[in-house]
Amino acid sequence: MQKVCFSDREKFSEPYRLHPPKIGKTQHNALYESRWKTQHNALYESRWKTQHNALYESRWKTQHNALYESRWKTQHNALYESRWKTQHNALYESRCGVGTKLYRGFCRNSDDRS
């Protein structure tokens, strides 16, 4: 059996217990930086995308709807209001006497004094 001094035991056993064996900075950085970047990016990119999309999608939808709804309403109203007015006027103006004034001037009834 060999005689081991306290100083020899300290040399061989203590450094590994107090300080883990060193790995290269490249390996260390590759492991921890990539892990940090992944978590960091996953957190902040998704947060940024959510805010960015919420802002710009709603702005785009608002502008898009404002443009195309107003264009559709204008075309729709121009087409259907004029058609409705024409039919409406043709039907109700003749009943209200608007269209019969010319006819009244040529034909006189016994009730018509003018």
N, C-alpha and C. Protein backbone atom coordinates (compact mmCIF):
# COMPACT_ATOMS: atom_id res chain seq x y z
N MET A 1 0.84 -1.16 0.00
CA MET A 1 0.00 0.00 0.00
C MET A 1 0.89 1.23 0.00
N GLN A 2 0.50 2.16 -0.84
CA GLN A 2 1.30 3.38 -0.94
C GLN A 2 0.86 4.37 0.09
N LYS A 3 1.80 5.13 0.51
CA LYS A 3 1.50 6.18 1.46
C LYS A 3 1.14 7.43 0.65
N VAL A 4 -0.02 7.98 0.91
CA VAL A 4 -0.49 9.16 0.18
C VAL A 4 -0.51 10.33 1.13
N CYS A 5 0.11 11.37 0.73
CA CYS A 5 0.11 12.59 1.54
C CYS A 5 -1.20 13.34 1.33
N PHE A 6 -1.53 14.17 2.28
CA PHE A 6 -2.74 14.99 2.17
C PHE A 6 -2.65 15.93 0.97
N SER A 7 -1.47 16.44 0.75
CA SER A 7 -1.30 17.36 -0.38
C SER A 7 -1.50 16.63 -1.70
N ASP A 8 -1.09 15.37 -1.80
CA ASP A 8 -1.29 14.62 -3.03
C ASP A 8 -2.78 14.33 -3.26
N ARG A 9 -3.48 13.98 -2.20
CA ARG A 9 -4.92 13.72 -2.30
C ARG A 9 -5.64 14.98 -2.76
N GLU A 10 -5.22 16.11 -2.25
CA GLU A 10 -5.82 17.39 -2.61
C GLU A 10 -5.61 17.69 -4.08
N LYS A 11 -4.44 17.35 -4.57
CA LYS A 11 -4.13 17.60 -5.97
C LYS A 11 -5.07 16.84 -6.89
N PHE A 12 -5.30 15.58 -6.57
CA PHE A 12 -6.03 14.73 -7.50
C PHE A 12 -7.54 14.77 -7.33
N SER A 13 -8.04 14.97 -6.15
CA SER A 13 -9.48 14.84 -5.96
C SER A 13 -10.21 16.19 -5.89
N GLU A 14 -9.64 17.16 -5.28
CA GLU A 14 -10.35 18.42 -5.03
C GLU A 14 -10.68 19.23 -6.28
N PRO A 15 -9.78 19.38 -7.21
CA PRO A 15 -10.11 20.26 -8.33
C PRO A 15 -11.37 19.84 -9.08
N TYR A 16 -11.62 18.55 -9.20
CA TYR A 16 -12.79 18.11 -9.93
C TYR A 16 -14.07 18.36 -9.15
N ARG A 17 -13.99 18.34 -7.85
CA ARG A 17 -15.17 18.58 -7.05
C ARG A 17 -15.52 20.05 -7.01
N LEU A 18 -14.54 20.92 -6.92
CA LEU A 18 -14.80 22.36 -6.83
C LEU A 18 -15.08 22.97 -8.20
N HIS A 19 -14.33 22.58 -9.18
CA HIS A 19 -14.50 23.14 -10.52
C HIS A 19 -14.74 22.00 -11.50
N PRO A 20 -15.84 22.04 -12.19
CA PRO A 20 -16.07 20.98 -13.16
C PRO A 20 -15.04 21.07 -14.28
N PRO A 21 -14.80 20.00 -14.96
CA PRO A 21 -13.80 20.05 -16.04
C PRO A 21 -14.23 21.07 -17.08
N LYS A 22 -13.27 21.80 -17.57
CA LYS A 22 -13.57 22.86 -18.53
C LYS A 22 -13.86 22.25 -19.90
N ILE A 23 -14.87 22.80 -20.50
CA ILE A 23 -15.09 22.48 -21.91
C ILE A 23 -14.76 23.76 -22.65
N GLY A 24 -14.51 23.65 -23.90
CA GLY A 24 -14.10 24.82 -24.67
C GLY A 24 -15.19 25.88 -24.70
N LYS A 25 -14.78 27.13 -24.87
CA LYS A 25 -15.75 28.22 -24.94
C LYS A 25 -16.70 28.04 -26.11
N THR A 26 -16.20 27.50 -27.16
CA THR A 26 -17.05 27.30 -28.34
C THR A 26 -18.20 26.36 -28.02
N GLN A 27 -17.88 25.25 -27.37
CA GLN A 27 -18.94 24.30 -27.02
C GLN A 27 -19.89 24.92 -26.01
N HIS A 28 -19.34 25.61 -25.04
CA HIS A 28 -20.17 26.24 -24.01
C HIS A 28 -21.10 27.27 -24.64
N ASN A 29 -20.54 28.14 -25.45
CA ASN A 29 -21.36 29.17 -26.08
C ASN A 29 -22.37 28.58 -27.04
N ALA A 30 -21.92 27.57 -27.78
CA ALA A 30 -22.84 26.94 -28.72
C ALA A 30 -24.03 26.35 -27.99
N LEU A 31 -23.77 25.78 -26.83
CA LEU A 31 -24.86 25.16 -26.08
C LEU A 31 -25.76 26.21 -25.45
N TYR A 32 -25.17 27.13 -24.68
CA TYR A 32 -26.00 28.05 -23.89
C TYR A 32 -26.50 29.25 -24.69
N GLU A 33 -25.70 29.74 -25.64
CA GLU A 33 -26.19 30.86 -26.43
C GLU A 33 -27.33 30.43 -27.34
N SER A 34 -27.18 29.27 -27.94
CA SER A 34 -28.25 28.83 -28.83
C SER A 34 -29.52 28.56 -28.03
N ARG A 35 -29.36 28.00 -26.81
CA ARG A 35 -30.53 27.77 -25.98
C ARG A 35 -31.17 29.09 -25.59
N TRP A 36 -30.34 30.08 -25.22
CA TRP A 36 -30.86 31.38 -24.83
C TRP A 36 -31.52 32.07 -26.01
N LYS A 37 -30.84 32.00 -27.17
CA LYS A 37 -31.41 32.64 -28.35
C LYS A 37 -32.74 32.01 -28.73
N THR A 38 -32.81 30.71 -28.63
CA THR A 38 -34.05 30.03 -29.00
C THR A 38 -35.19 30.47 -28.08
N GLN A 39 -34.94 30.46 -26.79
CA GLN A 39 -35.98 30.87 -25.85
C GLN A 39 -36.30 32.35 -26.01
N HIS A 40 -35.25 33.15 -26.17
CA HIS A 40 -35.43 34.60 -26.30
C HIS A 40 -36.23 34.92 -27.56
N ASN A 41 -35.82 34.32 -28.66
CA ASN A 41 -36.51 34.58 -29.92
C ASN A 41 -37.94 34.05 -29.89
N ALA A 42 -38.11 32.88 -29.31
CA ALA A 42 -39.46 32.32 -29.24
C ALA A 42 -40.37 33.24 -28.45
N LEU A 43 -39.84 33.85 -27.41
CA LEU A 43 -40.66 34.74 -26.60
C LEU A 43 -40.89 36.07 -27.30
N TYR A 44 -39.82 36.73 -27.72
CA TYR A 44 -39.96 38.09 -28.22
C TYR A 44 -40.39 38.16 -29.66
N GLU A 45 -40.00 37.20 -30.49
CA GLU A 45 -40.46 37.24 -31.87
C GLU A 45 -41.95 36.98 -31.93
N SER A 46 -42.43 36.01 -31.15
CA SER A 46 -43.86 35.74 -31.18
C SER A 46 -44.64 36.93 -30.62
N ARG A 47 -44.09 37.56 -29.58
CA ARG A 47 -44.76 38.73 -29.04
C ARG A 47 -44.77 39.86 -30.06
N TRP A 48 -43.63 40.06 -30.75
CA TRP A 48 -43.56 41.12 -31.75
C TRP A 48 -44.49 40.82 -32.91
N LYS A 49 -44.50 39.54 -33.34
CA LYS A 49 -45.37 39.18 -34.46
C LYS A 49 -46.82 39.40 -34.09
N THR A 50 -47.18 39.05 -32.88
CA THR A 50 -48.56 39.21 -32.46
C THR A 50 -48.95 40.69 -32.47
N GLN A 51 -48.12 41.52 -31.88
CA GLN A 51 -48.42 42.95 -31.86
C GLN A 51 -48.39 43.53 -33.26
N HIS A 52 -47.38 43.13 -34.04
CA HIS A 52 -47.23 43.64 -35.40
C HIS A 52 -48.45 43.26 -36.23
N ASN A 53 -48.82 42.00 -36.17
CA ASN A 53 -49.96 41.54 -36.95
C ASN A 53 -51.25 42.19 -36.47
N ALA A 54 -51.39 42.30 -35.17
CA ALA A 54 -52.61 42.92 -34.64
C ALA A 54 -52.73 44.35 -35.13
N LEU A 55 -51.60 45.05 -35.20
CA LEU A 55 -51.64 46.44 -35.64
C LEU A 55 -51.85 46.55 -37.14
N TYR A 56 -51.02 45.86 -37.91
CA TYR A 56 -51.05 46.06 -39.35
C TYR A 56 -52.16 45.29 -40.04
N GLU A 57 -52.56 44.13 -39.53
CA GLU A 57 -53.67 43.44 -40.15
C GLU A 57 -54.96 44.21 -39.95
N SER A 58 -55.17 44.72 -38.75
CA SER A 58 -56.40 45.48 -38.52
C SER A 58 -56.38 46.77 -39.33
N ARG A 59 -55.19 47.40 -39.45
CA ARG A 59 -55.11 48.62 -40.25
C ARG A 59 -55.38 48.30 -41.71
N TRP A 60 -54.84 47.18 -42.21
CA TRP A 60 -55.06 46.81 -43.60
C TRP A 60 -56.52 46.47 -43.82
N LYS A 61 -57.10 45.73 -42.86
CA LYS A 61 -58.50 45.38 -43.02
C LYS A 61 -59.38 46.62 -43.03
N THR A 62 -59.05 47.57 -42.17
CA THR A 62 -59.85 48.79 -42.10
C THR A 62 -59.76 49.55 -43.42
N GLN A 63 -58.55 49.74 -43.92
CA GLN A 63 -58.38 50.45 -45.18
C GLN A 63 -59.01 49.67 -46.32
N HIS A 64 -58.79 48.36 -46.33
CA HIS A 64 -59.33 47.51 -47.38
C HIS A 64 -60.85 47.58 -47.38
N ASN A 65 -61.44 47.43 -46.22
CA ASN A 65 -62.90 47.48 -46.13
C ASN A 65 -63.43 48.86 -46.47
N ALA A 66 -62.75 49.88 -45.98
CA ALA A 66 -63.21 51.24 -46.27
C ALA A 66 -63.19 51.51 -47.77
N LEU A 67 -62.17 50.99 -48.45
CA LEU A 67 -62.07 51.20 -49.89
C LEU A 67 -63.11 50.39 -50.64
N TYR A 68 -63.15 49.09 -50.37
CA TYR A 68 -63.99 48.22 -51.18
C TYR A 68 -65.45 48.28 -50.79
N GLU A 69 -65.76 48.51 -49.52
CA GLU A 69 -67.17 48.65 -49.14
C GLU A 69 -67.75 49.92 -49.72
N SER A 70 -66.99 51.02 -49.65
CA SER A 70 -67.52 52.26 -50.20
C SER A 70 -67.65 52.16 -51.71
N ARG A 71 -66.67 51.49 -52.36
CA ARG A 71 -66.76 51.32 -53.81
C ARG A 71 -67.97 50.47 -54.16
N TRP A 72 -68.20 49.39 -53.38
CA TRP A 72 -69.33 48.52 -53.64
C TRP A 72 -70.63 49.26 -53.39
N LYS A 73 -70.69 50.02 -52.29
CA LYS A 73 -71.92 50.76 -51.99
C LYS A 73 -72.21 51.78 -53.07
N THR A 74 -71.17 52.47 -53.54
CA THR A 74 -71.38 53.48 -54.58
C THR A 74 -71.92 52.84 -55.84
N GLN A 75 -71.29 51.76 -56.28
CA GLN A 75 -71.76 51.09 -57.49
C GLN A 75 -73.14 50.49 -57.28
N HIS A 76 -73.32 49.88 -56.13
CA HIS A 76 -74.60 49.24 -55.82
C HIS A 76 -75.72 50.28 -55.79
N ASN A 77 -75.47 51.38 -55.08
CA ASN A 77 -76.49 52.42 -54.98
C ASN A 77 -76.74 53.08 -56.33
N ALA A 78 -75.67 53.33 -57.07
CA ALA A 78 -75.86 53.95 -58.38
C ALA A 78 -76.71 53.07 -59.28
N LEU A 79 -76.53 51.79 -59.17
CA LEU A 79 -77.29 50.87 -60.02
C LEU A 79 -78.71 50.68 -59.51
N TYR A 80 -78.83 50.34 -58.22
CA TYR A 80 -80.15 49.94 -57.73
C TYR A 80 -81.02 51.10 -57.30
N GLU A 81 -80.44 52.20 -56.84
CA GLU A 81 -81.28 53.34 -56.48
C GLU A 81 -81.90 53.96 -57.72
N SER A 82 -81.10 54.11 -58.76
CA SER A 82 -81.65 54.70 -59.98
C SER A 82 -82.72 53.78 -60.57
N ARG A 83 -82.50 52.47 -60.50
CA ARG A 83 -83.49 51.54 -61.02
C ARG A 83 -84.76 51.61 -60.17
N TRP A 84 -84.58 51.69 -58.83
CA TRP A 84 -85.74 51.74 -57.95
C TRP A 84 -86.49 53.05 -58.15
N LYS A 85 -85.75 54.17 -58.27
CA LYS A 85 -86.42 55.46 -58.46
C LYS A 85 -87.19 55.49 -59.76
N THR A 86 -86.61 54.92 -60.79
CA THR A 86 -87.30 54.92 -62.08
C THR A 86 -88.60 54.13 -61.99
N GLN A 87 -88.53 52.94 -61.42
CA GLN A 87 -89.74 52.13 -61.28
C GLN A 87 -90.72 52.79 -60.33
N HIS A 88 -90.20 53.31 -59.23
CA HIS A 88 -91.06 53.94 -58.23
C HIS A 88 -91.76 55.16 -58.83
N ASN A 89 -91.00 56.00 -59.51
CA ASN A 89 -91.59 57.20 -60.09
C ASN A 89 -92.58 56.86 -61.18
N ALA A 90 -92.25 55.89 -61.99
CA ALA A 90 -93.16 55.50 -63.06
C ALA A 90 -94.48 55.00 -62.48
N LEU A 91 -94.40 54.35 -61.37
CA LEU A 91 -95.62 53.80 -60.78
C LEU A 91 -96.39 54.86 -60.01
N TYR A 92 -95.71 55.59 -59.11
CA TYR A 92 -96.43 56.46 -58.19
C TYR A 92 -96.66 57.87 -58.72
N GLU A 93 -95.84 58.37 -59.62
CA GLU A 93 -96.08 59.71 -60.15
C GLU A 93 -97.34 59.72 -60.99
N SER A 94 -97.58 58.66 -61.69
CA SER A 94 -98.80 58.61 -62.50
C SER A 94 -100.02 58.56 -61.59
N ARG A 95 -99.92 57.94 -60.44
CA ARG A 95 -101.04 57.90 -59.51
C ARG A 95 -101.26 59.24 -58.84
N CYS A 96 -100.16 59.96 -58.58
CA CYS A 96 -100.28 61.22 -57.86
C CYS A 96 -100.65 62.38 -58.77
N GLY A 97 -100.72 62.15 -60.04
CA GLY A 97 -101.12 63.20 -60.95
C GLY A 97 -99.97 63.96 -61.56
N VAL A 98 -98.77 63.59 -61.27
CA VAL A 98 -97.64 64.31 -61.84
C VAL A 98 -97.57 64.07 -63.33
N GLY A 99 -97.81 62.88 -63.74
CA GLY A 99 -97.71 62.56 -65.16
C GLY A 99 -98.98 62.85 -65.93
N THR A 100 -100.05 63.29 -65.29
CA THR A 100 -101.33 63.48 -65.98
C THR A 100 -101.63 64.93 -66.27
N LYS A 101 -100.76 65.88 -65.92
CA LYS A 101 -101.04 67.29 -66.17
C LYS A 101 -101.14 67.59 -67.66
N LEU A 102 -100.24 67.01 -68.42
CA LEU A 102 -100.26 67.25 -69.85
C LEU A 102 -101.55 66.72 -70.45
N TYR A 103 -101.96 65.59 -69.99
CA TYR A 103 -103.18 64.98 -70.50
C TYR A 103 -104.40 65.81 -70.12
N ARG A 104 -104.40 66.40 -68.93
CA ARG A 104 -105.53 67.21 -68.47
C ARG A 104 -105.73 68.44 -69.35
N GLY A 105 -104.64 68.96 -69.86
CA GLY A 105 -104.78 70.16 -70.68
C GLY A 105 -105.51 69.91 -71.97
N PHE A 106 -105.41 68.71 -72.49
CA PHE A 106 -106.06 68.41 -73.76
C PHE A 106 -107.48 67.91 -73.59
N CYS A 107 -107.72 67.20 -72.52
CA CYS A 107 -109.04 66.62 -72.32
C CYS A 107 -109.69 67.32 -71.14
N ARG A 108 -110.88 67.86 -71.36
CA ARG A 108 -111.59 68.52 -70.28
C ARG A 108 -112.81 67.68 -69.92
N ASN A 109 -112.90 67.49 -68.61
CA ASN A 109 -114.08 66.82 -68.10
C ASN A 109 -115.03 67.88 -67.57
N SER A 110 -116.19 67.47 -67.24
CA SER A 110 -117.15 68.42 -66.68
C SER A 110 -116.73 68.88 -65.30
N ASP A 111 -115.95 68.06 -64.59
CA ASP A 111 -115.49 68.45 -63.26
C ASP A 111 -114.30 69.40 -63.33
N ASP A 112 -113.57 69.40 -64.42
CA ASP A 112 -112.33 70.16 -64.52
C ASP A 112 -112.65 71.58 -64.97
N ARG A 113 -112.43 72.59 -64.14
CA ARG A 113 -112.81 73.96 -64.44
C ARG A 113 -111.63 74.79 -64.95
N SER A 114 -110.44 74.27 -64.89
CA SER A 114 -109.31 75.09 -65.32
C SER A 114 -108.98 74.94 -66.77
